Amino acid sequence: MLIFLFIGNFAVVLDGFAVNLPPRGAKILAVLDDSNFKESAPILISSDKDFETYNFSGSGTIDDPYIIENLAIAESQYVGIFISKTTKYFVIQNNYISSI
């Protein structure tokens, strides 16, 4: 099961499935402390090998998934995180994605 916390107006795309957020002015579900986030370009993964270029912790197995966390992503092409065509296991948690 995937659980997403959405703030703002952006879409998360996982293997062709897009989750669109509610329009601006929607209720904020949490307040995030952005001092722990590392600035990052958008994450674009379209093969198993692409995970290696980002140096995420983990190995991509069920017992040790790649962890995509604590990133502040300012996107300009409508996608903050795009993952498709992979057999690797991964977890996306505690990230902040904004549209510029």
Protein backbone atom coordinates (compact mmCIF):
# COMPACT_ATOMS: atom_id res chain seq x y z
CA MET A 1 0.00 0.00 0.00
CA LEU A 2 1.29 3.47 -0.87
CA ILE A 3 0.34 6.44 1.26
CA PHE A 4 1.00 9.96 -0.01
CA LEU A 5 0.94 13.25 1.87
CA PHE A 6 0.23 16.01 -0.60
CA ILE A 7 0.92 19.68 -0.18
CA GLY A 8 0.60 22.10 -3.08
CA ASN A 9 -0.29 21.36 -6.66
CA PHE A 10 1.83 18.72 -8.39
CA ALA A 11 1.66 15.14 -9.56
CA VAL A 12 3.59 12.05 -8.53
CA VAL A 13 3.97 9.52 -11.32
CA LEU A 14 4.79 5.88 -10.57
CA ASP A 15 4.99 3.47 -13.49
CA GLY A 16 2.45 5.32 -15.60
CA PHE A 17 -0.03 6.04 -12.81
CA ALA A 18 -0.37 9.73 -12.00
CA VAL A 19 -1.75 11.01 -8.72
CA ASN A 20 -2.94 14.58 -9.16
CA LEU A 21 -3.28 16.82 -6.18
CA PRO A 22 -6.25 18.96 -5.26
CA PRO A 23 -6.26 22.60 -6.40
CA ARG A 24 -4.45 25.33 -4.49
CA GLY A 25 -6.17 26.37 -1.33
CA ALA A 26 -6.83 22.77 -0.32
CA LYS A 27 -6.37 21.92 3.34
CA ILE A 28 -2.74 21.34 4.34
CA LEU A 29 -2.39 17.96 6.02
CA ALA A 30 0.90 18.62 7.79
CA VAL A 31 3.47 21.31 8.36
CA LEU A 32 6.97 20.28 7.35
CA ASP A 33 10.27 21.51 8.75
CA ASP A 34 12.30 22.03 5.58
CA SER A 35 15.64 22.41 7.40
CA ASN A 36 16.23 18.65 7.07
CA PHE A 37 15.72 18.52 3.30
CA LYS A 38 18.53 18.33 0.75
CA GLU A 39 17.93 20.29 -2.47
CA SER A 40 17.56 18.00 -5.48
CA ALA A 41 16.73 18.11 -9.15
CA PRO A 42 13.68 16.07 -10.20
CA ILE A 43 14.11 12.30 -9.86
CA LEU A 44 13.73 10.57 -13.24
CA ILE A 45 14.07 6.79 -13.18
CA SER A 46 13.16 4.68 -16.22
CA SER A 47 15.25 1.54 -15.59
CA ASP A 48 16.74 -0.45 -12.72
CA LYS A 49 20.20 0.98 -13.46
CA ASP A 50 18.96 4.58 -13.03
CA PHE A 51 18.68 4.04 -9.26
CA GLU A 52 22.47 3.74 -9.07
CA THR A 53 23.00 7.25 -10.50
CA TYR A 54 21.17 8.86 -7.56
CA ASN A 55 23.15 7.14 -4.79
CA PHE A 56 20.05 6.36 -2.66
CA SER A 57 20.54 4.20 0.40
CA GLY A 58 19.44 0.58 0.01
CA SER A 59 20.06 -2.05 -2.63
CA GLY A 60 16.62 -2.35 -4.25
CA THR A 61 15.66 -5.68 -2.73
CA ILE A 62 12.49 -6.41 -0.78
CA ASP A 63 14.53 -6.54 2.45
CA ASP A 64 16.63 -3.46 1.60
CA PRO A 65 14.64 -1.16 -0.73
CA TYR A 66 16.07 2.05 -2.14
CA ILE A 67 15.03 4.95 0.09
CA ILE A 68 14.09 8.25 -1.56
CA GLU A 69 13.76 10.66 1.34
CA ASN A 70 14.47 14.10 2.76
CA LEU A 71 14.69 15.78 -0.64
CA ALA A 72 13.44 19.24 -1.58
CA ILE A 73 12.65 19.04 -5.28
CA ALA A 74 11.80 22.17 -7.24
CA GLU A 75 10.37 20.94 -10.53
CA SER A 76 9.70 22.91 -13.66
CA GLN A 77 8.46 20.22 -16.06
CA TYR A 78 5.41 18.98 -14.07
CA VAL A 79 7.16 15.93 -12.58
CA GLY A 80 9.04 15.92 -9.28
CA ILE A 81 9.50 12.14 -9.11
CA PHE A 82 9.05 9.84 -12.10
CA ILE A 83 9.67 6.09 -11.77
CA SER A 84 8.83 3.50 -14.43
CA LYS A 85 10.05 0.23 -15.97
CA THR A 86 11.80 -1.03 -12.84
CA THR A 87 11.77 -4.26 -10.89
CA LYS A 88 13.55 -2.74 -7.89
CA TYR A 89 11.88 -2.13 -4.55
CA PHE A 90 11.82 1.46 -3.27
CA VAL A 91 10.24 3.69 -0.65
CA ILE A 92 9.39 7.36 -1.16
CA GLN A 93 9.01 9.20 2.14
CA ASN A 94 9.42 12.59 3.75
CA ASN A 95 10.06 14.65 0.60
CA TYR A 96 8.98 18.17 -0.35
CA ILE A 97 8.13 18.78 -4.02
CA SER A 98 7.23 22.24 -5.25
CA SER A 99 6.40 23.73 -8.60
CA ILE A 100 8.43 26.72 -9.75
